[in-house]
Protein backbone atom coordinates (compact mmCIF):
# COMPACT_ATOMS: atom_id res chain seq x y z
CA MET A 1 107.02 -21.52 104.42
CA PRO A 2 103.35 -21.78 103.38
CA ASP A 3 102.24 -19.29 100.75
CA ARG A 4 99.77 -17.17 102.72
CA LYS A 5 97.49 -15.01 100.60
CA VAL A 6 96.93 -11.60 102.11
CA HIS A 7 94.20 -9.60 100.44
CA PHE A 8 92.15 -6.89 102.01
CA PRO A 9 89.57 -4.84 100.14
CA ASP A 10 90.80 -1.36 99.29
CA ARG A 11 88.81 0.85 101.66
CA ARG A 12 91.04 3.88 101.50
CA ILE A 13 89.70 7.36 100.89
CA LEU A 14 88.96 7.95 97.21
CA PHE A 15 91.40 10.90 97.20
CA TRP A 16 94.39 8.53 97.64
CA MET A 17 93.25 6.24 94.85
CA ASP A 18 92.80 9.23 92.51
CA LEU A 19 96.20 10.69 93.45
CA GLU A 20 97.99 7.37 92.85
CA GLU A 21 96.24 6.94 89.50
CA GLU A 22 97.23 10.48 88.45
CA ILE A 23 100.91 9.83 89.30
CA GLN A 24 100.79 6.51 87.43
CA ASP A 25 99.18 8.13 84.36
CA ARG A 26 101.86 10.86 84.16
CA VAL A 27 104.86 8.50 84.18
CA ALA A 28 105.23 8.47 80.39
CA ARG A 29 105.24 12.29 80.22
CA ARG A 30 108.04 12.87 82.72
CA ASP A 31 111.24 14.73 81.97
CA GLY A 32 113.88 11.97 81.98
CA SER A 33 116.63 14.50 82.65
CA PHE A 34 115.19 15.34 86.10
CA ILE A 35 117.33 13.39 88.59
CA LEU A 36 117.75 14.40 92.22
CA SER A 37 121.08 13.90 93.96
CA GLY A 38 122.81 14.92 97.16
CA LYS A 39 124.43 13.69 100.37
CA TRP A 40 121.06 12.24 101.39
CA LYS A 41 121.06 9.72 98.47
CA LYS A 42 123.70 6.98 98.21
CA PHE A 43 124.00 4.43 95.40
CA VAL A 44 124.03 0.86 96.75
CA ARG A 45 123.78 -1.43 93.73
CA GLU A 46 122.22 -2.17 90.36
CA GLU A 47 119.71 -5.01 90.52
CA ASP A 48 117.65 -6.44 87.65
CA GLY A 49 117.80 -3.15 85.73
CA PHE A 50 116.97 -0.99 88.78
CA MET A 51 119.30 1.47 90.48
CA VAL A 52 118.97 0.89 94.25
CA PHE A 53 119.71 3.83 96.54
CA ALA A 54 119.80 4.19 100.33
CA VAL A 55 118.21 7.51 101.23
CA ASP A 56 117.98 9.62 104.34
CA GLU A 57 114.25 9.26 104.89
CA VAL A 58 114.10 12.34 107.15
CA TRP A 59 115.61 14.50 104.39
CA VAL A 60 113.15 13.06 101.85
CA GLN A 61 110.20 13.63 104.21
CA ASN A 62 111.32 17.19 105.02
CA ASN A 63 112.10 18.23 101.44
CA LEU A 64 110.10 16.09 99.02
CA CYS A 65 107.22 14.14 100.54
CA VAL A 66 106.09 13.74 104.13
CA MET A 67 104.44 10.45 103.09
CA PHE A 68 107.73 8.73 102.16
CA GLY A 69 108.04 5.52 104.20
CA HIS A 70 110.47 2.60 104.07
CA GLY A 71 110.90 2.87 100.32
CA GLY A 72 109.61 4.17 97.06
CA HIS A 73 109.74 4.18 93.27
CA GLY A 74 108.59 6.36 90.40
CA TYR A 75 105.07 4.99 90.07
CA VAL A 76 104.26 6.11 93.62
CA HIS A 77 106.52 9.14 94.10
CA GLU A 78 106.65 11.38 91.05
CA PHE A 79 110.08 12.77 92.01
CA ILE A 80 111.82 9.36 91.84
CA PRO A 81 113.31 8.86 88.35
CA ILE A 82 112.24 6.02 86.10
CA LYS A 83 114.55 6.90 83.18
CA PRO A 84 117.15 6.05 82.03
CA LYS A 85 116.91 3.24 84.62
CA PRO A 86 114.23 3.14 87.28
CA GLU A 87 115.42 4.05 90.77
CA LEU A 88 114.37 2.39 94.01
CA TRP A 89 114.82 4.51 97.12
CA ILE A 90 115.15 2.61 100.39
CA ALA A 91 115.15 4.33 103.78
CA GLN A 92 118.30 3.95 105.89
CA ARG A 93 116.31 4.05 109.15
CA HIS A 94 112.86 3.18 110.41
CA TYR A 95 111.01 6.48 110.22
CA THR A 96 109.26 8.36 113.01
CA ALA A 97 107.16 10.78 110.94
CA LEU A 98 103.37 10.35 110.95
CA GLY A 99 103.46 8.39 114.18
CA GLY A 100 106.25 6.05 113.11
CA CYS A 101 106.65 3.26 110.63
CA GLY A 102 104.58 0.73 112.55
CA CYS A 103 107.25 -1.97 112.73
CA ASP A 104 106.47 -4.02 115.79
CA ASN A 105 109.80 -4.86 117.38
CA LEU A 106 112.05 -1.84 117.10
CA LYS A 107 114.59 -1.38 119.87
CA ARG A 108 115.04 2.39 119.55
CA LYS A 109 113.85 5.54 117.80
CA ASN A 110 115.40 6.11 114.34
CA GLN A 111 116.81 2.58 114.35
CA PRO A 112 118.83 1.76 111.21
CA VAL A 113 117.28 -0.89 109.00
CA SER A 114 119.06 -4.23 108.90
CA ALA A 115 120.53 -5.60 105.68
CA ALA A 116 117.69 -8.15 105.52
CA PHE A 117 115.05 -5.44 105.98
CA PHE A 118 116.74 -3.25 103.33
CA ASP A 119 116.82 -6.15 100.83
CA SER A 120 113.24 -7.13 101.61
CA THR A 121 112.11 -3.53 101.09
CA ALA A 122 114.02 -3.35 97.79
CA LEU A 123 112.26 -6.55 96.65
CA HIS A 124 108.92 -5.04 97.69
CA GLU A 125 109.54 -1.81 95.77
CA LYS A 126 110.83 -3.62 92.67
CA THR A 127 107.84 -5.99 92.63
CA GLU A 128 105.38 -3.16 93.21
CA PHE A 129 106.97 -1.09 90.39
CA LEU A 130 106.75 -3.99 87.92
CA GLU A 131 103.12 -4.69 88.84
CA MET A 132 102.16 -1.02 88.47
CA GLN A 133 104.05 -0.85 85.18
CA GLN A 134 101.67 -3.57 83.98
CA GLY A 135 98.67 -1.42 84.96
CA LYS A 136 97.81 -2.60 88.46
CA SER A 137 96.76 -0.02 91.02
CA PHE A 138 99.09 0.80 93.89
CA TYR A 139 96.87 -1.16 96.27
CA GLU A 140 96.88 -4.30 94.10
CA ALA A 141 100.62 -4.02 93.43
CA ASP A 142 101.33 -3.54 97.14
CA GLN A 143 99.48 -6.79 97.95
CA VAL A 144 101.56 -8.71 95.38
CA ALA A 145 104.77 -7.10 96.71
CA ARG A 146 103.94 -8.13 100.30
CA GLN A 147 103.51 -11.70 99.08
CA ALA A 148 106.90 -11.56 97.33
CA GLU A 149 108.52 -10.37 100.58
CA MET A 150 106.93 -13.14 102.60
CA LYS A 151 107.89 -15.77 100.00
CA ALA A 152 111.52 -14.57 99.95
CA GLY A 153 111.63 -15.04 103.73
CA TRP A 154 114.42 -12.55 104.41
CA ILE A 155 112.31 -11.23 107.26
CA LYS A 156 109.47 -13.12 108.94
CA ASP A 157 106.98 -10.30 108.51
CA PRO A 158 107.27 -7.11 106.42
CA SER A 159 106.20 -5.11 109.48
CA MET A 160 108.93 -6.51 111.74
CA GLU A 161 112.64 -5.89 111.86
CA ILE A 162 114.94 -8.85 112.43
CA ASP A 163 116.75 -9.18 115.75
CA SER A 164 120.23 -7.77 116.28
CA PRO A 165 122.88 -7.30 115.14
CA TYR A 166 121.80 -4.32 113.07
CA PRO A 167 124.48 -3.78 110.42
CA LEU A 168 124.72 -0.21 109.25
CA LEU A 169 124.97 0.94 105.66
CA LYS A 170 128.08 3.11 105.40
CA SER A 171 130.32 4.55 102.76
CA VAL A 172 133.64 2.68 102.76
CA LYS A 173 136.22 3.91 100.24
CA GLY A 174 133.43 5.51 98.21
CA LYS A 175 131.23 2.40 98.05
CA MET A 176 128.09 1.79 100.08
CA THR A 177 128.47 -1.38 102.16
CA TRP A 178 127.01 -3.05 105.25
CA VAL A 179 129.31 -2.89 108.29
């Protein structure tokens, strides 16, 4: 697959850039003992020093942040822990809040994400976290993360789900697994 460079100038409202910078600046001052848990958050795996969780995106949007999308990490969402190990939160379904997630080829409302989409989103969030940890802005880190997703090739386009079958992430004998 050719390495396509995707770079668009950051033309977002200044408020969003300031908010993201404020969250990024406060990371070092967070209380490491603050860790959210509940039925809405399921451990999936440890990957490269990150704790990867599947989360109920509707619960997160209703209770923590209406802006939560396919995934998140502690440099973007101040409620996602970064200590003792950084957490990556990945949505279990394509979201419908704020007009929907924008994925082009969904078959139904609240469609579960496929295993490939979940893994691609985890790669995106991990890459974005590492870039922001090095001082890049959210916008710059997001561009690098999109490139990492495209290079990995697990899905053809980060804004498209793969075709069926859509394996579901379920708890089987206490472990999260794709079935």
